[in-house]
Structures are given as C-alpha cells and as structure tokens.
C-alpha atoms as a PDB file:
ATOM      1  CA  UNK A   1       0.134   5.167 -10.462  1.00  0.00           C
ATOM      2  CA  UNK A   2       1.094   6.134  -6.913  1.00  0.00           C
ATOM      3  CA  UNK A   3      -2.498   6.811  -5.931  1.00  0.00           C
ATOM      4  CA  UNK A   4      -3.735   3.621  -7.624  1.00  0.00           C
ATOM      5  CA  UNK A   5      -1.180   1.524  -5.734  1.00  0.00           C
ATOM      6  CA  UNK A   6      -1.932   3.184  -2.415  1.00  0.00           C
ATOM      7  CA  UNK A   7      -5.669   2.782  -3.039  1.00  0.00           C
ATOM      8  CA  UNK A   8      -5.196  -0.908  -3.820  1.00  0.00           C
ATOM      9  CA  UNK A   9      -3.187  -1.405  -0.623  1.00  0.00           C
ATOM     10  CA  UNK A  10      -5.977   0.283   1.324  1.00  0.00           C
ATOM     11  CA  UNK A  11      -8.554  -1.932  -0.356  1.00  0.00           C
ATOM     12  CA  UNK A  12      -6.535  -5.029   0.548  1.00  0.00           C
ATOM     13  CA  UNK A  13      -6.188  -3.793   4.131  1.00  0.00           C
ATOM     14  CA  UNK A  14      -9.954  -3.730   4.521  1.00  0.00           C
ATOM     15  CA  UNK A  15     -11.299  -1.919   7.543  1.00  0.00           C
ATOM     16  CA  UNK A  16      -8.544  -2.018  10.150  1.00  0.00           C
ATOM     17  CA  UNK A  17      -9.145  -1.845  13.864  1.00  0.00           C
ATOM     18  CA  UNK A  18      -8.936   1.860  14.756  1.00  0.00           C
ATOM     19  CA  UNK A  19      -6.866   1.049  17.850  1.00  0.00           C
ATOM     20  CA  UNK A  20      -4.067  -0.434  15.725  1.00  0.00           C
ATOM     21  CA  UNK A  21      -2.571   1.744  12.985  1.00  0.00           C
ATOM     22  CA  UNK A  22      -0.813  -1.176  11.282  1.00  0.00           C
ATOM     23  CA  UNK A  23      -2.298  -3.894   9.067  1.00  0.00           C
ATOM     24  CA  UNK A  24      -0.537  -7.036   7.848  1.00  0.00           C
ATOM     25  CA  UNK A  25      -1.284  -8.451   4.418  1.00  0.00           C
ATOM     26  CA  UNK A  26      -0.461 -12.115   4.745  1.00  0.00           C
ATOM     27  CA  UNK A  27       0.671 -13.508   2.477  1.00  0.00           C
ATOM     28  CA  UNK A  28       1.758 -10.407   0.589  1.00  0.00           C
ATOM     29  CA  UNK A  29       0.323 -10.185  -2.912  1.00  0.00           C
ATOM     30  CA  UNK A  30       2.892 -10.580  -5.647  1.00  0.00           C
ATOM     31  CA  UNK A  31       4.141  -7.527  -7.486  1.00  0.00           C
ATOM     32  CA  UNK A  32       2.729  -8.902 -10.723  1.00  0.00           C
ATOM     33  CA  UNK A  33      -0.696  -9.442  -9.107  1.00  0.00           C
ATOM     34  CA  UNK A  34      -0.791  -5.883  -7.810  1.00  0.00           C
ATOM     35  CA  UNK A  35       0.378  -4.564 -11.190  1.00  0.00           C
ATOM     36  CA  UNK A  36      -2.421  -6.447 -12.954  1.00  0.00           C
ATOM     37  CA  UNK A  37      -4.996  -5.053 -10.521  1.00  0.00           C
ATOM     38  CA  UNK A  38      -3.939  -1.425 -11.080  1.00  0.00           C
ATOM     39  CA  UNK A  39      -3.110  -1.678 -14.806  1.00  0.00           C
ATOM     40  CA  UNK A  40       0.609  -1.085 -14.667  1.00  0.00           C
ATOM     41  CA  UNK A  41       3.786  -3.151 -14.792  1.00  0.00           C
ATOM     42  CA  UNK A  42       5.595  -5.004 -12.040  1.00  0.00           C
ATOM     43  CA  UNK A  43       8.640  -2.711 -12.134  1.00  0.00           C
ATOM     44  CA  UNK A  44       6.537   0.368 -11.410  1.00  0.00           C
ATOM     45  CA  UNK A  45       4.932  -1.386  -8.427  1.00  0.00           C
ATOM     46  CA  UNK A  46       8.349  -2.413  -7.165  1.00  0.00           C
ATOM     47  CA  UNK A  47       9.675   1.174  -7.379  1.00  0.00           C
ATOM     48  CA  UNK A  48       6.668   2.621  -5.583  1.00  0.00           C
ATOM     49  CA  UNK A  49       6.705  -0.025  -2.853  1.00  0.00           C
ATOM     50  CA  UNK A  50      10.394   0.764  -2.349  1.00  0.00           C
ATOM     51  CA  UNK A  51       9.494   4.429  -1.974  1.00  0.00           C
ATOM     52  CA  UNK A  52       6.781   3.628   0.570  1.00  0.00           C
ATOM     53  CA  UNK A  53       9.261   1.442   2.486  1.00  0.00           C
ATOM     54  CA  UNK A  54      11.848   4.236   2.445  1.00  0.00           C
ATOM     55  CA  UNK A  55       9.413   6.719   3.985  1.00  0.00           C
ATOM     56  CA  UNK A  56       8.317   4.148   6.575  1.00  0.00           C
ATOM     57  CA  UNK A  57       4.696   3.656   5.510  1.00  0.00           C
ATOM     58  CA  UNK A  58       5.098  -0.032   4.764  1.00  0.00           C
ATOM     59  CA  UNK A  59       7.591  -2.794   5.447  1.00  0.00           C
ATOM     60  CA  UNK A  60       8.183  -6.331   4.376  1.00  0.00           C
ATOM     61  CA  UNK A  61       8.191  -8.988   7.075  1.00  0.00           C
ATOM     62  CA  UNK A  62       9.114 -12.417   5.754  1.00  0.00           C
ATOM     63  CA  UNK A  63       6.332 -13.227   3.291  1.00  0.00           C
ATOM     64  CA  UNK A  64       4.020 -10.478   4.570  1.00  0.00           C
ATOM     65  CA  UNK A  65       3.517  -6.848   3.712  1.00  0.00           C
ATOM     66  CA  UNK A  66       2.846  -4.597   6.698  1.00  0.00           C
ATOM     67  CA  UNK A  67       1.143  -1.225   6.286  1.00  0.00           C
ATOM     68  CA  UNK A  68       2.584   0.642   9.268  1.00  0.00           C
ATOM     69  CA  UNK A  69       0.125   3.540   9.212  1.00  0.00           C
ATOM     70  CA  UNK A  70      -3.164   3.048   7.333  1.00  0.00           C
ATOM     71  CA  UNK A  71      -4.362   6.556   8.171  1.00  0.00           C
ATOM     72  CA  UNK A  72      -1.250   8.155   6.688  1.00  0.00           C
ATOM     73  CA  UNK A  73      -1.561   6.019   3.557  1.00  0.00           C
ATOM     74  CA  UNK A  74      -5.175   7.162   3.255  1.00  0.00           C
ATOM     75  CA  UNK A  75      -4.006  10.792   3.586  1.00  0.00           C
ATOM     76  CA  UNK A  76      -1.598  10.279   0.653  1.00  0.00           C
ATOM     77  CA  UNK A  77      -4.421   8.921  -1.494  1.00  0.00           C
ATOM     78  CA  UNK A  78      -6.697  11.824  -0.573  1.00  0.00           C
ATOM     79  CA  UNK A  79      -3.951  14.364  -1.325  1.00  0.00           C
ATOM     80  CA  UNK A  80      -3.342  12.759  -4.727  1.00  0.00           C
ATOM     81  CA  UNK A  81      -7.063  12.980  -5.478  1.00  0.00           C
ATOM     82  CA  UNK A  82      -7.187  16.613  -4.358  1.00  0.00           C
ATOM     83  CA  UNK A  83      -9.276  15.813  -1.274  1.00  0.00           C
ATOM     84  CA  UNK A  84      -8.131  17.186   2.062  1.00  0.00           C
END
C-alpha cells in the first residue's frame, strides 16, 4: 500500500519543474478519494500520509498537500519496487 500511495501522489504531482523540489496539490484530494484510487481504505491512507509527514516528505498547508521532495518520494517508490 505504501508504494501505491506514493505512486499515486507522484502521478498527481505530474511532471514538476526540476528547479523546484516541491509540488503543491491544490486542493488536496480527500483521503477517501485517494483510497478509492489505490484500492484501500481511508484509514490506511491516513496512517501512511501521517508517516510521510513525520519523515518530512509531505506536509499539509491549509487545504493543500505539499510534496516537499518529489525526487525522494520517487526513490521510495523505486526502492519498494526493487528498482535502484
């Protein structure tokens, strides 16, 4: 589920400007919407987003979701898939 959520966040981020490591998803998708997209439940999405917030990869800013470091998030997805 972690890799699916991170992959979905990357998909929503699109192709960010390489000069700026952060991307803002505005407005932030609801937890239920994300859960539906990755075939899980809202609570699992909430827990994983909390983990990503705790390690500093994402943050909430009012009604937005900010991915602080798209490249690092991509690294996590690649590691989960066994790609380095």
